[in-house]
Amino acid sequence: MAQTAPEELLVEVKDGVLTLTLNRPEVLNALTMGMMKGITDALKKAATDKTIKAVILTASGRAFCAGADLGDLKKRQSVKMFSLGDELRNHFNPLIAQIRKLEKPVIGAINGLAAGAGASIILASDLKVCAEKATFLNAFVRVGLVPDSGMTYALPRFFGYSKALEHMWLAKPVTAEQALACGLVNKVVPAEFVLVEAQLMAAELVKMPPLALALTKRAVNRSLQAASLDEQMEYEAQLQEILGTTADHSEGVTAFLEKRPPQFKGE
């Protein structure tokens, strides 16, 4: 009897949290086109599903993601009219953009190596829990390519210009300790507790008012687009005007005054 191939992406929804698990541990969870489409589609669905309040991105085995599956890429490059630029535009970039556009918390649970596009997925995530021995690797230059999937946008914002170039040009791994020191990750824990810690973080976020979480993420993302202080303060005022009329705001104030836990409904 023929064996069924294991699913490349595991999808689970529990207690308001969508968990997406990369599941190709035998190749360090190298990304296929199907995996990227699966993640992107799941995030799009989560955007309109009010029962999903947070997302965890994690992986099976000893690595988070080794980046694109280069064997798969080599096969596609042999096809006439292949365009690596179009590969990025059609598959990689939509995934990264969807993580940032999703107005719900996305938590990266990094169990091991995150390289190439795998590192870009983590950089795009909102919060990150990292294993003590996990590393981030940027080896595009070693195969004659430029860092992509938003890497040249995100890495300088954590490390600064010169350190970012050092990591990208020389393919120097970033350790968990370095990632924590520069604010790239939020917590570093033993590998066996990475998912547990991410789940605890998600459980806290599920209790928060979803509209406030959504608009806070929107405001912070906007601040990265070179907005001036005056522009950003005006944008905050616009968002605050929206949230100030919500039932969740009223509930939050009432619960505070009554010294009880708030019951937010996303309204």
Foldseek 3Di string as FASTA:
>chain_A
DDDDDDDQWDWDDDQQEIEIEGEPQVQLSADDQVSQVVLLVVLVVLLPDLSHAEYEYAYDHQWGYAYHDVVNVVVQVVDPPDDPVVCCVPGLQSSLVSQLLRLHAYEYLTLAEQEQSSVLNLLSGDAYEYEQFHKYWACQVVVPHARDSCLVVRQCVQVNDPVSCCCNVVRDIQGPVNCCVSVSHPYYDHSVCRVVVVVVVVNVSSLDQSLVSRVVSVLVVVVSVVDDPVRSVVSVVVSCVVVVPDPQVVQVVVCVVVVHRGRHDND
